[in-house]
Amino acid sequence: MKMPITMTKEKTVSELLGQGTAFLEAQGIALPRREAELLLCALLSCRRIDLYLEPARPIETDQEGLFQSYLTRRARREPIQYITGQVDFCGLSISVRPGVFIPRPETELIVERARTISPAPCRILDLCTGSGALAIALAKEFPHSHVVAADIDERPLETARVNAERHGCLPQLYFVRGDLFAPLQAGADRFDLIVCNPPYIPERDRPTLQPEVRDFEPAQALFAPEEGTAFYRRILRKAPSFLTQEGSLLFELGAGQAAWFQAYAAQETMFSATFLQDPAGIDRIAVCRRRGADG
């Protein structure tokens, strides 16, 4: 459905914001005012507060038409991050585009936990890097570290390189394409910290997902075989050959996966696992270390 804006004379910021809010509300979009604000800010390259500091600012006709196209895309449930091309992660503006997984706020918990590691990790591996958000945030957090970012798909790697250059940490990062550890050499490439936000949604859950996720984000970044556990199994089996003796392995988990993860790690691997909860009280981050390692 197209946004029914009649483009006659120039409209103001306030008028477009009101019309956009009403349109998104009618389309059933949650938080329509906030989303209209974000779309208008992306159009005008301004802050949300500027919309209210300059409500009478005139909007050129071509900008009004572009705003209409943004609203139409959002009404079709395209993620707002793909429309604006940006998402905030750990205070960094990260570029995203269709075909690249959109970083979530809960993944920032991996960075928060990494800050507590002592001594600071010198070599870091980010598996399933996607947009590079985790790798870049960790590179900024540990400016003397060397970060390897791996992904099986070239499209997200291209985006990750752009993001790394944008944030001035490209010299710290080395990008490799391949399936998990495949581009690396077991025993030779050792890391103090391995992080991963892998695909972990069971295929049976596909119908229950929001259309923004199910219909627009890349399926290979979302769904995993074996009831969503396949990547955890593979990484836990291979990680000892790539992790230093005192190193840490941090995963993001799906809701309800912690009990299985803890049992699997205890029974099938050399790792023990503890968990960090997200603001909703879900065990969201698995912190793994070799059994017997200090801390």
C-alpha atoms as a PDB file:
ATOM      1  CA  MET A   1       0.000   0.000   0.000  1.00  0.00           C
ATOM      2  CA  LYS A   2       1.311   3.428  -0.924  1.00  0.00           C
ATOM      3  CA  MET A   3       1.265   6.400   1.389  1.00  0.00           C
ATOM      4  CA  PRO A   4      -1.525   8.697   0.118  1.00  0.00           C
ATOM      5  CA  ILE A   5       0.357  12.006   0.127  1.00  0.00           C
ATOM      6  CA  THR A   6      -0.839  14.616  -2.323  1.00  0.00           C
ATOM      7  CA  MET A   7       2.226  16.588  -3.363  1.00  0.00           C
ATOM      8  CA  THR A   8       1.101  20.117  -4.119  1.00  0.00           C
ATOM      9  CA  LYS A   9       2.897  22.831  -2.131  1.00  0.00           C
ATOM     10  CA  GLU A  10       5.876  22.142   0.084  1.00  0.00           C
ATOM     11  CA  LYS A  11       4.916  20.609   3.383  1.00  0.00           C
ATOM     12  CA  THR A  12       6.619  21.179   6.704  1.00  0.00           C
ATOM     13  CA  VAL A  13       8.422  18.749   8.971  1.00  0.00           C
ATOM     14  CA  SER A  14       5.485  18.806  11.370  1.00  0.00           C
ATOM     15  CA  GLU A  15       2.951  18.061   8.643  1.00  0.00           C
ATOM     16  CA  LEU A  16       4.926  15.150   7.181  1.00  0.00           C
ATOM     17  CA  LEU A  17       5.570  13.727  10.631  1.00  0.00           C
ATOM     18  CA  GLY A  18       1.863  13.810  11.432  1.00  0.00           C
ATOM     19  CA  GLN A  19       0.861  12.240   8.123  1.00  0.00           C
ATOM     20  CA  GLY A  20       3.550   9.566   8.376  1.00  0.00           C
ATOM     21  CA  THR A  21       2.533   8.687  11.913  1.00  0.00           C
ATOM     22  CA  ALA A  22      -1.126   8.343  10.956  1.00  0.00           C
ATOM     23  CA  PHE A  23      -0.269   6.182   7.951  1.00  0.00           C
ATOM     24  CA  LEU A  24       1.968   3.781   9.891  1.00  0.00           C
ATOM     25  CA  GLU A  25      -0.591   3.525  12.684  1.00  0.00           C
ATOM     26  CA  ALA A  26      -3.270   2.604  10.161  1.00  0.00           C
ATOM     27  CA  GLN A  27      -0.963  -0.119   8.804  1.00  0.00           C
ATOM     28  CA  GLY A  28      -0.579  -1.664  12.267  1.00  0.00           C
ATOM     29  CA  ILE A  29       3.048  -0.667  12.790  1.00  0.00           C
ATOM     30  CA  ALA A  30       4.024  -0.621  16.471  1.00  0.00           C
ATOM     31  CA  LEU A  31       5.309   2.732  17.765  1.00  0.00           C
ATOM     32  CA  PRO A  32       4.252   4.589  14.608  1.00  0.00           C
ATOM     33  CA  ARG A  33       5.338   8.007  15.869  1.00  0.00           C
ATOM     34  CA  ARG A  34       8.835   6.845  16.699  1.00  0.00           C
ATOM     35  CA  GLU A  35       9.218   5.051  13.374  1.00  0.00           C
ATOM     36  CA  ALA A  36       7.968   8.060  11.415  1.00  0.00           C
ATOM     37  CA  GLU A  37      10.512  10.158  13.307  1.00  0.00           C
ATOM     38  CA  LEU A  38      13.335   7.777  12.452  1.00  0.00           C
ATOM     39  CA  LEU A  39      12.413   7.659   8.785  1.00  0.00           C
ATOM     40  CA  LEU A  40      12.163  11.435   8.574  1.00  0.00           C
ATOM     41  CA  CYS A  41      15.493  11.810  10.379  1.00  0.00           C
ATOM     42  CA  ALA A  42      17.116   9.442   7.900  1.00  0.00           C
ATOM     43  CA  LEU A  43      15.690  11.490   5.056  1.00  0.00           C
ATOM     44  CA  LEU A  44      16.857  14.830   6.466  1.00  0.00           C
ATOM     45  CA  SER A  45      20.105  13.586   8.094  1.00  0.00           C
ATOM     46  CA  CYS A  46      19.104  15.140  11.386  1.00  0.00           C
ATOM     47  CA  ARG A  47      18.455  14.200  15.007  1.00  0.00           C
ATOM     48  CA  ARG A  48      14.992  13.383  16.318  1.00  0.00           C
ATOM     49  CA  ILE A  49      15.046  16.487  18.500  1.00  0.00           C
ATOM     50  CA  ASP A  50      15.642  18.618  15.396  1.00  0.00           C
ATOM     51  CA  LEU A  51      12.203  17.628  14.121  1.00  0.00           C
ATOM     52  CA  TYR A  52      10.733  19.470  17.093  1.00  0.00           C
ATOM     53  CA  LEU A  53      13.205  22.340  17.103  1.00  0.00           C
ATOM     54  CA  GLU A  54      12.328  23.152  13.474  1.00  0.00           C
ATOM     55  CA  PRO A  55       8.733  21.975  12.976  1.00  0.00           C
ATOM     56  CA  ALA A  56       8.060  24.590  10.295  1.00  0.00           C
ATOM     57  CA  ARG A  57      11.058  23.610   8.176  1.00  0.00           C
ATOM     58  CA  PRO A  58       9.838  23.200   4.581  1.00  0.00           C
ATOM     59  CA  ILE A  59      10.373  19.860   2.853  1.00  0.00           C
ATOM     60  CA  GLU A  60      11.176  19.867  -0.838  1.00  0.00           C
ATOM     61  CA  THR A  61       8.887  17.937  -3.148  1.00  0.00           C
ATOM     62  CA  ASP A  62      11.486  15.319  -4.064  1.00  0.00           C
ATOM     63  CA  GLN A  63      12.212  14.701  -0.375  1.00  0.00           C
ATOM     64  CA  GLU A  64       8.504  14.324   0.275  1.00  0.00           C
ATOM     65  CA  GLY A  65       8.294  11.688  -2.446  1.00  0.00           C
ATOM     66  CA  LEU A  66      11.242   9.805  -0.960  1.00  0.00           C
ATOM     67  CA  PHE A  67       9.612   9.904   2.482  1.00  0.00           C
ATOM     68  CA  GLN A  68       6.487   8.430   0.905  1.00  0.00           C
ATOM     69  CA  SER A  69       8.550   5.558  -0.510  1.00  0.00           C
ATOM     70  CA  TYR A  70      10.082   4.937   2.934  1.00  0.00           C
ATOM     71  CA  LEU A  71       6.633   4.721   4.492  1.00  0.00           C
ATOM     72  CA  THR A  72       5.407   2.358   1.791  1.00  0.00           C
ATOM     73  CA  ARG A  73       8.369   0.038   2.329  1.00  0.00           C
ATOM     74  CA  ARG A  74       7.799   0.039   6.082  1.00  0.00           C
ATOM     75  CA  ALA A  75       4.090  -0.689   5.615  1.00  0.00           C
ATOM     76  CA  ARG A  76       5.166  -3.829   3.747  1.00  0.00           C
ATOM     77  CA  ARG A  77       7.040  -4.785   6.927  1.00  0.00           C
ATOM     78  CA  GLU A  78      10.514  -4.196   5.554  1.00  0.00           C
ATOM     79  CA  PRO A  79      12.758  -3.629   8.594  1.00  0.00           C
ATOM     80  CA  ILE A  80      13.304   0.035   9.307  1.00  0.00           C
ATOM     81  CA  GLN A  81      17.052  -0.653   9.544  1.00  0.00           C
ATOM     82  CA  TYR A  82      17.128  -1.678   5.877  1.00  0.00           C
ATOM     83  CA  ILE A  83      15.226   1.457   4.908  1.00  0.00           C
ATOM     84  CA  THR A  84      17.494   3.821   6.828  1.00  0.00           C
ATOM     85  CA  GLY A  85      20.579   1.681   6.180  1.00  0.00           C
ATOM     86  CA  GLN A  86      21.731   2.025   9.779  1.00  0.00           C
ATOM     87  CA  VAL A  87      21.471   0.405  13.195  1.00  0.00           C
ATOM     88  CA  ASP A  88      23.028   1.416  16.506  1.00  0.00           C
ATOM     89  CA  PHE A  89      25.271  -1.138  18.188  1.00  0.00           C
ATOM     90  CA  CYS A  90      27.346  -0.367  21.283  1.00  0.00           C
ATOM     91  CA  GLY A  91      27.098   3.321  20.456  1.00  0.00           C
ATOM     92  CA  LEU A  92      28.376   2.768  16.911  1.00  0.00           C
ATOM     93  CA  SER A  93      26.362   3.447  13.782  1.00  0.00           C
ATOM     94  CA  ILE A  94      26.532   0.223  11.775  1.00  0.00           C
ATOM     95  CA  SER A  95      25.518   0.073   8.113  1.00  0.00           C
ATOM     96  CA  VAL A  96      23.184  -2.745   7.103  1.00  0.00           C
ATOM     97  CA  ARG A  97      21.452  -3.673   3.865  1.00  0.00           C
ATOM     98  CA  PRO A  98      19.187  -6.442   2.596  1.00  0.00           C
ATOM     99  CA  GLY A  99      20.978  -9.764   2.784  1.00  0.00           C
ATOM    100  CA  VAL A 100      22.841  -8.775   5.953  1.00  0.00           C
ATOM    101  CA  PHE A 101      21.607  -9.800   9.399  1.00  0.00           C
ATOM    102  CA  ILE A 102      20.523  -6.844  11.564  1.00  0.00           C
ATOM    103  CA  PRO A 103      22.443  -6.688  14.887  1.00  0.00           C
ATOM    104  CA  ARG A 104      20.264  -6.820  18.027  1.00  0.00           C
ATOM    105  CA  PRO A 105      20.717  -4.945  21.307  1.00  0.00           C
ATOM    106  CA  GLU A 106      21.000  -8.181  23.315  1.00  0.00           C
ATOM    107  CA  THR A 107      24.170  -9.099  21.404  1.00  0.00           C
ATOM    108  CA  GLU A 108      25.853  -6.117  23.067  1.00  0.00           C
ATOM    109  CA  LEU A 109      26.010  -8.310  26.193  1.00  0.00           C
ATOM    110  CA  ILE A 110      28.873 -10.191  24.550  1.00  0.00           C
ATOM    111  CA  VAL A 111      30.882  -6.970  24.430  1.00  0.00           C
ATOM    112  CA  GLU A 112      29.948  -6.150  28.023  1.00  0.00           C
ATOM    113  CA  ARG A 113      31.157  -9.564  29.180  1.00  0.00           C
ATOM    114  CA  ALA A 114      34.348  -9.300  27.121  1.00  0.00           C
ATOM    115  CA  ARG A 115      35.226  -6.084  28.973  1.00  0.00           C
ATOM    116  CA  THR A 116      35.641  -8.117  32.168  1.00  0.00           C
ATOM    117  CA  ILE A 117      38.246 -10.474  30.706  1.00  0.00           C
ATOM    118  CA  SER A 118      41.697 -10.067  32.262  1.00  0.00           C
ATOM    119  CA  PRO A 119      44.206  -9.850  30.774  1.00  0.00           C
ATOM    120  CA  ALA A 120      42.619  -8.158  27.793  1.00  0.00           C
ATOM    121  CA  PRO A 121      42.419 -10.479  24.782  1.00  0.00           C
ATOM    122  CA  CYS A 122      45.067  -9.894  22.138  1.00  0.00           C
ATOM    123  CA  ARG A 123      43.628 -12.148  19.440  1.00  0.00           C
ATOM    124  CA  ILE A 124      39.877 -12.312  18.881  1.00  0.00           C
ATOM    125  CA  LEU A 125      37.806 -14.377  16.462  1.00  0.00           C
ATOM    126  CA  ASP A 126      34.253 -13.405  15.493  1.00  0.00           C
ATOM    127  CA  LEU A 127      32.415 -16.243  13.761  1.00  0.00           C
ATOM    128  CA  CYS A 128      29.286 -15.483  11.693  1.00  0.00           C
ATOM    129  CA  THR A 129      30.337 -11.833  11.717  1.00  0.00           C
ATOM    130  CA  GLY A 130      27.531 -10.529   9.498  1.00  0.00           C
ATOM    131  CA  SER A 131      27.703  -6.730   9.451  1.00  0.00           C
ATOM    132  CA  GLY A 132      30.864  -6.878  11.545  1.00  0.00           C
ATOM    133  CA  ALA A 133      29.157  -5.178  14.482  1.00  0.00           C
ATOM    134  CA  LEU A 134      30.644  -7.473  17.142  1.00  0.00           C
ATOM    135  CA  ALA A 135      34.116  -7.535  15.590  1.00  0.00           C
ATOM    136  CA  ILE A 136      34.214  -3.746  15.287  1.00  0.00           C
ATOM    137  CA  ALA A 137      32.848  -3.114  18.784  1.00  0.00           C
ATOM    138  CA  LEU A 138      35.494  -5.458  20.206  1.00  0.00           C
ATOM    139  CA  ALA A 139      38.233  -3.848  18.133  1.00  0.00           C
ATOM    140  CA  LYS A 140      37.216  -0.440  19.515  1.00  0.00           C
ATOM    141  CA  GLU A 141      37.076  -1.864  23.045  1.00  0.00           C
ATOM    142  CA  PHE A 142      40.510  -3.501  22.723  1.00  0.00           C
ATOM    143  CA  PRO A 143      42.526  -1.160  20.467  1.00  0.00           C
ATOM    144  CA  HIS A 144      45.682  -3.269  20.737  1.00  0.00           C
ATOM    145  CA  SER A 145      43.935  -6.469  19.693  1.00  0.00           C
ATOM    146  CA  HIS A 146      43.920  -8.282  16.359  1.00  0.00           C
ATOM    147  CA  VAL A 147      40.439  -9.377  15.268  1.00  0.00           C
ATOM    148  CA  VAL A 148      39.595 -12.009  12.671  1.00  0.00           C
ATOM    149  CA  ALA A 149      36.022 -11.807  11.334  1.00  0.00           C
ATOM    150  CA  ALA A 150      34.628 -14.810   9.463  1.00  0.00           C
ATOM    151  CA  ASP A 151      31.460 -15.332   7.463  1.00  0.00           C
ATOM    152  CA  ILE A 152      30.342 -17.807   4.824  1.00  0.00           C
ATOM    153  CA  ASP A 153      28.760 -15.118   2.612  1.00  0.00           C
ATOM    154  CA  GLU A 154      30.585 -12.353   0.726  1.00  0.00           C
ATOM    155  CA  ARG A 155      27.714  -9.843   0.966  1.00  0.00           C
ATOM    156  CA  PRO A 156      27.931  -9.367   4.757  1.00  0.00           C
ATOM    157  CA  LEU A 157      31.740  -9.388   4.561  1.00  0.00           C
ATOM    158  CA  GLU A 158      31.598  -6.483   2.109  1.00  0.00           C
ATOM    159  CA  THR A 159      29.335  -4.615   4.516  1.00  0.00           C
ATOM    160  CA  ALA A 160      31.599  -5.458   7.456  1.00  0.00           C
ATOM    161  CA  ARG A 161      34.625  -4.046   5.634  1.00  0.00           C
ATOM    162  CA  VAL A 162      32.755  -0.809   4.953  1.00  0.00           C
ATOM    163  CA  ASN A 163      31.792  -0.569   8.622  1.00  0.00           C
ATOM    164  CA  ALA A 164      35.343  -1.252   9.800  1.00  0.00           C
ATOM    165  CA  GLU A 165      36.727   1.453   7.542  1.00  0.00           C
ATOM    166  CA  ARG A 166      34.028   3.863   8.645  1.00  0.00           C
ATOM    167  CA  HIS A 167      34.977   3.392  12.300  1.00  0.00           C
ATOM    168  CA  GLY A 168      38.721   3.575  11.743  1.00  0.00           C
ATOM    169  CA  CYS A 169      39.588   0.038  12.797  1.00  0.00           C
ATOM    170  CA  LEU A 170      40.201  -1.616   9.429  1.00  0.00           C
ATOM    171  CA  PRO A 171      43.935  -2.148  10.210  1.00  0.00           C
ATOM    172  CA  GLN A 172      42.942  -4.236  13.254  1.00  0.00           C
ATOM    173  CA  LEU A 173      40.594  -6.529  11.362  1.00  0.00           C
ATOM    174  CA  TYR A 174      41.245  -9.403   9.000  1.00  0.00           C
ATOM    175  CA  PHE A 175      38.224 -10.727   7.108  1.00  0.00           C
ATOM    176  CA  VAL A 176      37.979 -14.339   5.953  1.00  0.00           C
ATOM    177  CA  ARG A 177      35.272 -16.093   4.010  1.00  0.00           C
ATOM    178  CA  GLY A 178      34.327 -19.646   4.871  1.00  0.00           C
ATOM    179  CA  ASP A 179      32.243 -21.973   6.982  1.00  0.00           C
ATOM    180  CA  LEU A 180      33.070 -21.285  10.645  1.00  0.00           C
ATOM    181  CA  PHE A 181      36.695 -22.399  11.295  1.00  0.00           C
ATOM    182  CA  ALA A 182      37.285 -23.662   7.733  1.00  0.00           C
ATOM    183  CA  PRO A 183      39.447 -20.688   6.587  1.00  0.00           C
ATOM    184  CA  LEU A 184      41.700 -21.049   9.658  1.00  0.00           C
ATOM    185  CA  GLN A 185      44.483 -23.466  10.496  1.00  0.00           C
ATOM    186  CA  ALA A 186      43.867 -25.661  13.517  1.00  0.00           C
ATOM    187  CA  GLY A 187      46.634 -25.446  16.082  1.00  0.00           C
ATOM    188  CA  ALA A 188      48.294 -22.483  14.367  1.00  0.00           C
ATOM    189  CA  ASP A 189      45.520 -19.898  14.645  1.00  0.00           C
ATOM    190  CA  ARG A 190      44.887 -19.537  18.377  1.00  0.00           C
ATOM    191  CA  PHE A 191      42.626 -16.937  19.945  1.00  0.00           C
ATOM    192  CA  ASP A 192      42.194 -15.554  23.447  1.00  0.00           C
ATOM    193  CA  LEU A 193      38.528 -14.883  22.759  1.00  0.00           C
ATOM    194  CA  ILE A 194      36.085 -16.443  20.314  1.00  0.00           C
ATOM    195  CA  VAL A 195      32.643 -14.877  19.965  1.00  0.00           C
ATOM    196  CA  CYS A 196      29.668 -15.949  17.900  1.00  0.00           C
ATOM    197  CA  ASN A 197      26.047 -15.006  17.373  1.00  0.00           C
ATOM    198  CA  PRO A 198      25.150 -18.008  15.222  1.00  0.00           C
ATOM    199  CA  PRO A 199      21.901 -18.991  13.529  1.00  0.00           C
ATOM    200  CA  TYR A 200      19.877 -20.599  16.316  1.00  0.00           C
ATOM    201  CA  ILE A 201      16.188 -20.520  15.404  1.00  0.00           C
ATOM    202  CA  PRO A 202      14.579 -23.940  14.815  1.00  0.00           C
ATOM    203  CA  GLU A 203      12.931 -24.240  11.423  1.00  0.00           C
ATOM    204  CA  ARG A 204       9.633 -25.118  13.127  1.00  0.00           C
ATOM    205  CA  ASP A 205       9.542 -21.595  14.580  1.00  0.00           C
ATOM    206  CA  ARG A 206       9.608 -19.904  11.169  1.00  0.00           C
ATOM    207  CA  PRO A 207       5.819 -19.308  11.006  1.00  0.00           C
ATOM    208  CA  THR A 208       5.839 -17.591  14.421  1.00  0.00           C
ATOM    209  CA  LEU A 209       8.427 -14.966  13.526  1.00  0.00           C
ATOM    210  CA  GLN A 210       7.563 -11.358  12.790  1.00  0.00           C
ATOM    211  CA  PRO A 211       7.325 -10.724   9.030  1.00  0.00           C
ATOM    212  CA  GLU A 212      10.174  -8.201   9.334  1.00  0.00           C
ATOM    213  CA  VAL A 213      12.430 -11.090  10.338  1.00  0.00           C
ATOM    214  CA  ARG A 214      10.933 -14.041   8.473  1.00  0.00           C
ATOM    215  CA  ASP A 215      10.380 -12.333   5.117  1.00  0.00           C
ATOM    216  CA  PHE A 216      13.348  -9.968   4.887  1.00  0.00           C
ATOM    217  CA  GLU A 217      16.398 -11.066   6.863  1.00  0.00           C
ATOM    218  CA  PRO A 218      18.677 -13.753   5.384  1.00  0.00           C
ATOM    219  CA  ALA A 219      17.429 -17.222   6.312  1.00  0.00           C
ATOM    220  CA  GLN A 220      20.939 -18.647   6.586  1.00  0.00           C
ATOM    221  CA  ALA A 221      21.650 -16.162   9.387  1.00  0.00           C
ATOM    222  CA  LEU A 222      18.489 -17.159  11.268  1.00  0.00           C
ATOM    223  CA  PHE A 223      17.729 -20.862  11.064  1.00  0.00           C
ATOM    224  CA  ALA A 224      19.787 -23.831  12.189  1.00  0.00           C
ATOM    225  CA  PRO A 225      19.202 -27.596  11.960  1.00  0.00           C
ATOM    226  CA  GLU A 226      18.955 -29.923  14.944  1.00  0.00           C
ATOM    227  CA  GLU A 227      16.318 -27.780  16.645  1.00  0.00           C
ATOM    228  CA  GLY A 228      18.537 -24.708  16.337  1.00  0.00           C
ATOM    229  CA  THR A 229      21.572 -26.278  18.011  1.00  0.00           C
ATOM    230  CA  ALA A 230      23.715 -27.350  15.038  1.00  0.00           C
ATOM    231  CA  PHE A 231      26.125 -24.407  15.107  1.00  0.00           C
ATOM    232  CA  TYR A 232      26.706 -24.662  18.851  1.00  0.00           C
ATOM    233  CA  ARG A 233      27.584 -28.341  18.475  1.00  0.00           C
ATOM    234  CA  ARG A 234      29.985 -27.720  15.599  1.00  0.00           C
ATOM    235  CA  ILE A 235      31.749 -24.786  17.247  1.00  0.00           C
ATOM    236  CA  LEU A 236      32.115 -26.469  20.633  1.00  0.00           C
ATOM    237  CA  ARG A 237      33.647 -29.522  18.956  1.00  0.00           C
ATOM    238  CA  LYS A 238      36.172 -27.504  16.950  1.00  0.00           C
ATOM    239  CA  ALA A 239      36.922 -24.639  19.348  1.00  0.00           C
ATOM    240  CA  PRO A 240      39.625 -26.393  21.445  1.00  0.00           C
ATOM    241  CA  SER A 241      41.936 -26.383  18.407  1.00  0.00           C
ATOM    242  CA  PHE A 242      41.580 -22.615  18.006  1.00  0.00           C
ATOM    243  CA  LEU A 243      41.300 -21.334  21.586  1.00  0.00           C
ATOM    244  CA  THR A 244      44.203 -20.628  23.917  1.00  0.00           C
ATOM    245  CA  GLN A 245      44.315 -22.654  27.127  1.00  0.00           C
ATOM    246  CA  GLU A 246      42.893 -19.815  29.211  1.00  0.00           C
ATOM    247  CA  GLY A 247      40.698 -18.435  26.453  1.00  0.00           C
ATOM    248  CA  SER A 248      36.964 -17.712  26.567  1.00  0.00           C
ATOM    249  CA  LEU A 249      34.184 -18.593  24.155  1.00  0.00           C
ATOM    250  CA  LEU A 250      31.063 -16.397  24.167  1.00  0.00           C
ATOM    251  CA  PHE A 251      27.836 -17.330  22.366  1.00  0.00           C
ATOM    252  CA  GLU A 252      24.465 -15.693  22.028  1.00  0.00           C
ATOM    253  CA  LEU A 253      21.627 -18.129  22.773  1.00  0.00           C
ATOM    254  CA  GLY A 254      17.991 -18.295  21.824  1.00  0.00           C
ATOM    255  CA  ALA A 255      15.302 -18.235  24.487  1.00  0.00           C
ATOM    256  CA  GLY A 256      15.051 -21.591  26.229  1.00  0.00           C
ATOM    257  CA  GLN A 257      18.331 -23.001  24.917  1.00  0.00           C
ATOM    258  CA  ALA A 258      20.465 -22.544  28.060  1.00  0.00           C
ATOM    259  CA  ALA A 259      19.513 -25.803  29.788  1.00  0.00           C
ATOM    260  CA  TRP A 260      20.298 -27.850  26.697  1.00  0.00           C
ATOM    261  CA  PHE A 261      23.531 -25.925  26.135  1.00  0.00           C
ATOM    262  CA  GLN A 262      24.782 -26.433  29.677  1.00  0.00           C
ATOM    263  CA  ALA A 263      24.057 -30.177  29.569  1.00  0.00           C
ATOM    264  CA  TYR A 264      25.644 -30.610  26.152  1.00  0.00           C
ATOM    265  CA  ALA A 265      28.771 -28.682  27.121  1.00  0.00           C
ATOM    266  CA  ALA A 266      29.152 -30.739  30.315  1.00  0.00           C
ATOM    267  CA  GLN A 267      28.537 -34.128  28.711  1.00  0.00           C
ATOM    268  CA  GLU A 268      30.034 -33.786  25.241  1.00  0.00           C
ATOM    269  CA  THR A 269      32.805 -31.166  25.440  1.00  0.00           C
ATOM    270  CA  MET A 270      35.700 -29.985  27.588  1.00  0.00           C
ATOM    271  CA  PHE A 271      33.923 -26.706  28.372  1.00  0.00           C
ATOM    272  CA  SER A 272      31.886 -25.519  31.325  1.00  0.00           C
ATOM    273  CA  ALA A 273      29.238 -22.876  30.759  1.00  0.00           C
ATOM    274  CA  THR A 274      27.753 -20.023  32.750  1.00  0.00           C
ATOM    275  CA  PHE A 275      25.131 -17.584  31.522  1.00  0.00           C
ATOM    276  CA  LEU A 276      24.323 -13.883  31.406  1.00  0.00           C
ATOM    277  CA  GLN A 277      20.715 -12.769  31.364  1.00  0.00           C
ATOM    278  CA  ASP A 278      19.291 -10.092  29.105  1.00  0.00           C
ATOM    279  CA  PRO A 279      16.921  -7.387  30.434  1.00  0.00           C
ATOM    280  CA  ALA A 280      13.976  -9.774  29.934  1.00  0.00           C
ATOM    281  CA  GLY A 281      15.548 -12.314  32.306  1.00  0.00           C
ATOM    282  CA  ILE A 282      16.446 -14.765  29.504  1.00  0.00           C
ATOM    283  CA  ASP A 283      19.765 -16.619  29.694  1.00  0.00           C
ATOM    284  CA  ARG A 284      21.117 -14.932  26.601  1.00  0.00           C
ATOM    285  CA  ILE A 285      24.908 -15.259  26.621  1.00  0.00           C
ATOM    286  CA  ALA A 286      26.831 -18.472  27.240  1.00  0.00           C
ATOM    287  CA  VAL A 287      30.296 -17.969  28.715  1.00  0.00           C
ATOM    288  CA  CYS A 288      32.449 -21.038  28.082  1.00  0.00           C
ATOM    289  CA  ARG A 289      35.885 -21.923  29.389  1.00  0.00           C
ATOM    290  CA  ARG A 290      37.828 -25.132  29.548  1.00  0.00           C
ATOM    291  CA  ARG A 291      37.021 -27.034  32.705  1.00  0.00           C
ATOM    292  CA  GLY A 292      39.732 -26.374  35.260  1.00  0.00           C
ATOM    293  CA  ALA A 293      40.688 -22.982  33.795  1.00  0.00           C
ATOM    294  CA  ASP A 294      40.872 -20.148  36.301  1.00  0.00           C
ATOM    295  CA  GLY A 295      37.941 -17.689  36.528  1.00  0.00           C
END
